[in-house]
Amino acid sequence: MPVVNIQMLEGRTPEQKENLIKEVTDAVVRTTGAKKEAVTIIISDMKKEDYGHGGEVIK
């Protein structure tokens, strides 16, 4: 049962997330041979002020 966690900055539309889930699921099925029904995708949106890169908060 593959579980994929995706963390990204907030701001994507529901449609973009739906497409991402479909594409990642297809990639997991294709590369691992897992059944589509066994693949779980979890998207965690992060607020920009809760994320830093290179010592700086993303704004």
PDB file of N, CA and C in Angstrom:
ATOM      1  N   MET A   1       0.838  -1.176   0.000  1.00  0.00           N
ATOM      2  CA  MET A   1       0.000   0.000   0.000  1.00  0.00           C
ATOM      3  C   MET A   1       0.884   1.240   0.000  1.00  0.00           C
ATOM      4  N   PRO A   2       1.224   1.780  -1.154  1.00  0.00           N
ATOM      5  CA  PRO A   2       2.035   2.993  -1.200  1.00  0.00           C
ATOM      6  C   PRO A   2       1.258   4.205  -0.672  1.00  0.00           C
ATOM      7  N   VAL A   3       1.943   4.981   0.162  1.00  0.00           N
ATOM      8  CA  VAL A   3       1.391   6.243   0.658  1.00  0.00           C
ATOM      9  C   VAL A   3       2.369   7.344   0.266  1.00  0.00           C
ATOM     10  N   VAL A   4       1.869   8.354  -0.424  1.00  0.00           N
ATOM     11  CA  VAL A   4       2.701   9.459  -0.877  1.00  0.00           C
ATOM     12  C   VAL A   4       2.244  10.725  -0.163  1.00  0.00           C
ATOM     13  N   ASN A   5       3.186  11.385   0.522  1.00  0.00           N
ATOM     14  CA  ASN A   5       2.906  12.653   1.186  1.00  0.00           C
ATOM     15  C   ASN A   5       3.499  13.782   0.357  1.00  0.00           C
ATOM     16  N   ILE A   6       2.672  14.755   0.027  1.00  0.00           N
ATOM     17  CA  ILE A   6       3.117  15.915  -0.748  1.00  0.00           C
ATOM     18  C   ILE A   6       2.893  17.152   0.105  1.00  0.00           C
ATOM     19  N   GLN A   7       3.962  17.874   0.371  1.00  0.00           N
ATOM     20  CA  GLN A   7       3.863  19.133   1.091  1.00  0.00           C
ATOM     21  C   GLN A   7       4.186  20.249   0.118  1.00  0.00           C
ATOM     22  N   MET A   8       3.311  21.242   0.061  1.00  0.00           N
ATOM     23  CA  MET A   8       3.549  22.357  -0.845  1.00  0.00           C
ATOM     24  C   MET A   8       2.901  23.614  -0.287  1.00  0.00           C
ATOM     25  N   LEU A   9       3.379  24.738  -0.773  1.00  0.00           N
ATOM     26  CA  LEU A   9       2.814  26.004  -0.328  1.00  0.00           C
ATOM     27  C   LEU A   9       1.372  26.128  -0.806  1.00  0.00           C
ATOM     28  N   GLU A  10       0.551  26.727   0.027  1.00  0.00           N
ATOM     29  CA  GLU A  10      -0.858  26.899  -0.305  1.00  0.00           C
ATOM     30  C   GLU A  10      -1.015  27.733  -1.568  1.00  0.00           C
ATOM     31  N   GLY A  11      -2.198  27.622  -2.167  1.00  0.00           N
ATOM     32  CA  GLY A  11      -2.502  28.463  -3.319  1.00  0.00           C
ATOM     33  C   GLY A  11      -2.938  27.686  -4.554  1.00  0.00           C
ATOM     34  N   ARG A  12      -2.881  26.359  -4.495  1.00  0.00           N
ATOM     35  CA  ARG A  12      -3.336  25.577  -5.646  1.00  0.00           C
ATOM     36  C   ARG A  12      -4.847  25.423  -5.598  1.00  0.00           C
ATOM     37  N   THR A  13      -5.452  25.348  -6.751  1.00  0.00           N
ATOM     38  CA  THR A  13      -6.903  25.172  -6.825  1.00  0.00           C
ATOM     39  C   THR A  13      -7.254  23.705  -6.571  1.00  0.00           C
ATOM     40  N   PRO A  14      -8.517  23.443  -6.220  1.00  0.00           N
ATOM     41  CA  PRO A  14      -8.943  22.049  -6.085  1.00  0.00           C
ATOM     42  C   PRO A  14      -8.705  21.243  -7.361  1.00  0.00           C
ATOM     43  N   GLU A  15      -8.882  21.870  -8.513  1.00  0.00           N
ATOM     44  CA  GLU A  15      -8.662  21.181  -9.778  1.00  0.00           C
ATOM     45  C   GLU A  15      -7.190  20.806  -9.952  1.00  0.00           C
ATOM     46  N   GLN A  16      -6.280  21.699  -9.579  1.00  0.00           N
ATOM     47  CA  GLN A  16      -4.860  21.400  -9.671  1.00  0.00           C
ATOM     48  C   GLN A  16      -4.493  20.241  -8.745  1.00  0.00           C
ATOM     49  N   LYS A  17      -5.058  20.237  -7.549  1.00  0.00           N
ATOM     50  CA  LYS A  17      -4.780  19.151  -6.605  1.00  0.00           C
ATOM     51  C   LYS A  17      -5.340  17.830  -7.123  1.00  0.00           C
ATOM     52  N   GLU A  18      -6.511  17.871  -7.705  1.00  0.00           N
ATOM     53  CA  GLU A  18      -7.108  16.661  -8.263  1.00  0.00           C
ATOM     54  C   GLU A  18      -6.231  16.097  -9.372  1.00  0.00           C
ATOM     55  N   ASN A  19      -5.740  16.961 -10.248  1.00  0.00           N
ATOM     56  CA  ASN A  19      -4.858  16.522 -11.326  1.00  0.00           C
ATOM     57  C   ASN A  19      -3.546  15.966 -10.780  1.00  0.00           C
ATOM     58  N   LEU A  20      -3.010  16.605  -9.753  1.00  0.00           N
ATOM     59  CA  LEU A  20      -1.785  16.127  -9.128  1.00  0.00           C
ATOM     60  C   LEU A  20      -1.985  14.730  -8.547  1.00  0.00           C
ATOM     61  N   ILE A  21      -3.087  14.532  -7.845  1.00  0.00           N
ATOM     62  CA  ILE A  21      -3.389  13.224  -7.267  1.00  0.00           C
ATOM     63  C   ILE A  21      -3.485  12.161  -8.358  1.00  0.00           C
ATOM     64  N   LYS A  22      -4.161  12.468  -9.440  1.00  0.00           N
ATOM     65  CA  LYS A  22      -4.297  11.504 -10.540  1.00  0.00           C
ATOM     66  C   LYS A  22      -2.946  11.177 -11.153  1.00  0.00           C
ATOM     67  N   GLU A  23      -2.140  12.199 -11.421  1.00  0.00           N
ATOM     68  CA  GLU A  23      -0.846  11.992 -12.079  1.00  0.00           C
ATOM     69  C   GLU A  23       0.127  11.222 -11.181  1.00  0.00           C
ATOM     70  N   VAL A  24       0.170  11.575  -9.899  1.00  0.00           N
ATOM     71  CA  VAL A  24       1.075  10.878  -8.985  1.00  0.00           C
ATOM     72  C   VAL A  24       0.627   9.429  -8.805  1.00  0.00           C
ATOM     73  N   THR A  25      -0.674   9.219  -8.681  1.00  0.00           N
ATOM     74  CA  THR A  25      -1.188   7.852  -8.573  1.00  0.00           C
ATOM     75  C   THR A  25      -0.788   7.033  -9.786  1.00  0.00           C
ATOM     76  N   ASP A  26      -0.969   7.578 -10.971  1.00  0.00           N
ATOM     77  CA  ASP A  26      -0.598   6.870 -12.194  1.00  0.00           C
ATOM     78  C   ASP A  26       0.895   6.545 -12.210  1.00  0.00           C
ATOM     79  N   ALA A  27       1.733   7.478 -11.759  1.00  0.00           N
ATOM     80  CA  ALA A  27       3.177   7.248 -11.732  1.00  0.00           C
ATOM     81  C   ALA A  27       3.543   6.135 -10.755  1.00  0.00           C
ATOM     82  N   VAL A  28       2.898   6.114  -9.604  1.00  0.00           N
ATOM     83  CA  VAL A  28       3.168   5.066  -8.624  1.00  0.00           C
ATOM     84  C   VAL A  28       2.741   3.708  -9.166  1.00  0.00           C
ATOM     85  N   VAL A  29       1.575   3.645  -9.766  1.00  0.00           N
ATOM     86  CA  VAL A  29       1.088   2.393 -10.351  1.00  0.00           C
ATOM     87  C   VAL A  29       2.045   1.911 -11.440  1.00  0.00           C
ATOM     88  N   ARG A  30       2.453   2.823 -12.294  1.00  0.00           N
ATOM     89  CA  ARG A  30       3.320   2.469 -13.425  1.00  0.00           C
ATOM     90  C   ARG A  30       4.702   1.998 -12.953  1.00  0.00           C
ATOM     91  N   THR A  31       5.257   2.653 -11.946  1.00  0.00           N
ATOM     92  CA  THR A  31       6.638   2.338 -11.554  1.00  0.00           C
ATOM     93  C   THR A  31       6.747   1.239 -10.509  1.00  0.00           C
ATOM     94  N   THR A  32       5.687   1.004  -9.730  1.00  0.00           N
ATOM     95  CA  THR A  32       5.778  -0.007  -8.670  1.00  0.00           C
ATOM     96  C   THR A  32       4.944  -1.243  -8.927  1.00  0.00           C
ATOM     97  N   GLY A  33       3.978  -1.127  -9.832  1.00  0.00           N
ATOM     98  CA  GLY A  33       3.078  -2.247 -10.078  1.00  0.00           C
ATOM     99  C   GLY A  33       1.956  -2.352  -9.055  1.00  0.00           C
ATOM    100  N   ALA A  34       1.860  -1.364  -8.159  1.00  0.00           N
ATOM    101  CA  ALA A  34       0.775  -1.362  -7.173  1.00  0.00           C
ATOM    102  C   ALA A  34      -0.561  -1.171  -7.878  1.00  0.00           C
ATOM    103  N   LYS A  35      -1.604  -1.674  -7.262  1.00  0.00           N
ATOM    104  CA  LYS A  35      -2.937  -1.440  -7.803  1.00  0.00           C
ATOM    105  C   LYS A  35      -3.353  -0.010  -7.474  1.00  0.00           C
ATOM    106  N   LYS A  36      -4.064   0.597  -8.412  1.00  0.00           N
ATOM    107  CA  LYS A  36      -4.518   1.982  -8.241  1.00  0.00           C
ATOM    108  C   LYS A  36      -5.284   2.165  -6.932  1.00  0.00           C
ATOM    109  N   GLU A  37      -6.107   1.181  -6.587  1.00  0.00           N
ATOM    110  CA  GLU A  37      -6.939   1.264  -5.388  1.00  0.00           C
ATOM    111  C   GLU A  37      -6.110   1.234  -4.100  1.00  0.00           C
ATOM    112  N   ALA A  38      -4.857   0.804  -4.203  1.00  0.00           N
ATOM    113  CA  ALA A  38      -4.006   0.694  -3.019  1.00  0.00           C
ATOM    114  C   ALA A  38      -3.181   1.957  -2.760  1.00  0.00           C
ATOM    115  N   VAL A  39      -3.185   2.887  -3.704  1.00  0.00           N
ATOM    116  CA  VAL A  39      -2.347   4.084  -3.599  1.00  0.00           C
ATOM    117  C   VAL A  39      -3.097   5.183  -2.853  1.00  0.00           C
ATOM    118  N   THR A  40      -2.425   5.747  -1.843  1.00  0.00           N
ATOM    119  CA  THR A  40      -2.973   6.862  -1.074  1.00  0.00           C
ATOM    120  C   THR A  40      -2.075   8.076  -1.270  1.00  0.00           C
ATOM    121  N   ILE A  41      -2.695   9.217  -1.560  1.00  0.00           N
ATOM    122  CA  ILE A  41      -1.972  10.474  -1.724  1.00  0.00           C
ATOM    123  C   ILE A  41      -2.475  11.440  -0.655  1.00  0.00           C
ATOM    124  N   ILE A  42      -1.546  12.051   0.078  1.00  0.00           N
ATOM    125  CA  ILE A  42      -1.900  13.037   1.101  1.00  0.00           C
ATOM    126  C   ILE A  42      -1.231  14.355   0.729  1.00  0.00           C
ATOM    127  N   ILE A  43      -2.031  15.396   0.543  1.00  0.00           N
ATOM    128  CA  ILE A  43      -1.496  16.725   0.245  1.00  0.00           C
ATOM    129  C   ILE A  43      -1.642  17.585   1.487  1.00  0.00           C
ATOM    130  N   SER A  44      -0.527  18.166   1.918  1.00  0.00           N
ATOM    131  CA  SER A  44      -0.532  19.086   3.054  1.00  0.00           C
ATOM    132  C   SER A  44      -0.153  20.471   2.541  1.00  0.00           C
ATOM    133  N   ASP A  45      -1.083  21.403   2.668  1.00  0.00           N
ATOM    134  CA  ASP A  45      -0.815  22.789   2.290  1.00  0.00           C
ATOM    135  C   ASP A  45      -0.108  23.494   3.442  1.00  0.00           C
ATOM    136  N   MET A  46       0.929  24.240   3.115  1.00  0.00           N
ATOM    137  CA  MET A  46       1.644  25.016   4.125  1.00  0.00           C
ATOM    138  C   MET A  46       1.420  26.500   3.862  1.00  0.00           C
ATOM    139  N   LYS A  47       1.184  27.230   4.924  1.00  0.00           N
ATOM    140  CA  LYS A  47       1.105  28.681   4.781  1.00  0.00           C
ATOM    141  C   LYS A  47       2.508  29.202   4.511  1.00  0.00           C
ATOM    142  N   LYS A  48       2.604  30.221   3.695  1.00  0.00           N
ATOM    143  CA  LYS A  48       3.911  30.765   3.338  1.00  0.00           C
ATOM    144  C   LYS A  48       4.697  31.210   4.562  1.00  0.00           C
ATOM    145  N   GLU A  49       4.013  31.761   5.550  1.00  0.00           N
ATOM    146  CA  GLU A  49       4.716  32.240   6.741  1.00  0.00           C
ATOM    147  C   GLU A  49       5.201  31.092   7.630  1.00  0.00           C
ATOM    148  N   ASP A  50       4.777  29.876   7.332  1.00  0.00           N
ATOM    149  CA  ASP A  50       5.209  28.697   8.092  1.00  0.00           C
ATOM    150  C   ASP A  50       6.333  27.941   7.388  1.00  0.00           C
ATOM    151  N   TYR A  51       6.905  28.513   6.336  1.00  0.00           N
ATOM    152  CA  TYR A  51       7.909  27.826   5.542  1.00  0.00           C
ATOM    153  C   TYR A  51       9.097  28.735   5.339  1.00  0.00           C
ATOM    154  N   GLY A  52      10.274  28.192   5.536  1.00  0.00           N
ATOM    155  CA  GLY A  52      11.495  28.957   5.316  1.00  0.00           C
ATOM    156  C   GLY A  52      12.447  28.206   4.412  1.00  0.00           C
ATOM    157  N   HIS A  53      13.240  28.947   3.682  1.00  0.00           N
ATOM    158  CA  HIS A  53      14.236  28.356   2.792  1.00  0.00           C
ATOM    159  C   HIS A  53      15.463  29.248   2.811  1.00  0.00           C
ATOM    160  N   GLY A  54      16.611  28.653   3.030  1.00  0.00           N
ATOM    161  CA  GLY A  54      17.840  29.439   3.037  1.00  0.00           C
ATOM    162  C   GLY A  54      17.891  30.464   4.165  1.00  0.00           C
ATOM    163  N   GLY A  55      17.238  30.136   5.270  1.00  0.00           N
ATOM    164  CA  GLY A  55      17.242  31.035   6.423  1.00  0.00           C
ATOM    165  C   GLY A  55      16.229  32.157   6.352  1.00  0.00           C
ATOM    166  N   GLU A  56      15.392  32.157   5.345  1.00  0.00           N
ATOM    167  CA  GLU A  56      14.406  33.219   5.167  1.00  0.00           C
ATOM    168  C   GLU A  56      13.001  32.627   5.101  1.00  0.00           C
ATOM    169  N   VAL A  57      12.042  33.357   5.675  1.00  0.00           N
ATOM    170  CA  VAL A  57      10.643  32.965   5.585  1.00  0.00           C
ATOM    171  C   VAL A  57      10.140  33.331   4.195  1.00  0.00           C
ATOM    172  N   ILE A  58       9.386  32.424   3.592  1.00  0.00           N
ATOM    173  CA  ILE A  58       8.798  32.693   2.282  1.00  0.00           C
ATOM    174  C   ILE A  58       7.668  33.699   2.459  1.00  0.00           C
ATOM    175  N   LYS A  59       7.626  34.708   1.608  1.00  0.00           N
ATOM    176  CA  LYS A  59       6.582  35.740   1.717  1.00  0.00           C
ATOM    177  C   LYS A  59       5.782  35.828   0.456  1.00  0.00           C
TER     178      LYS A  59
END
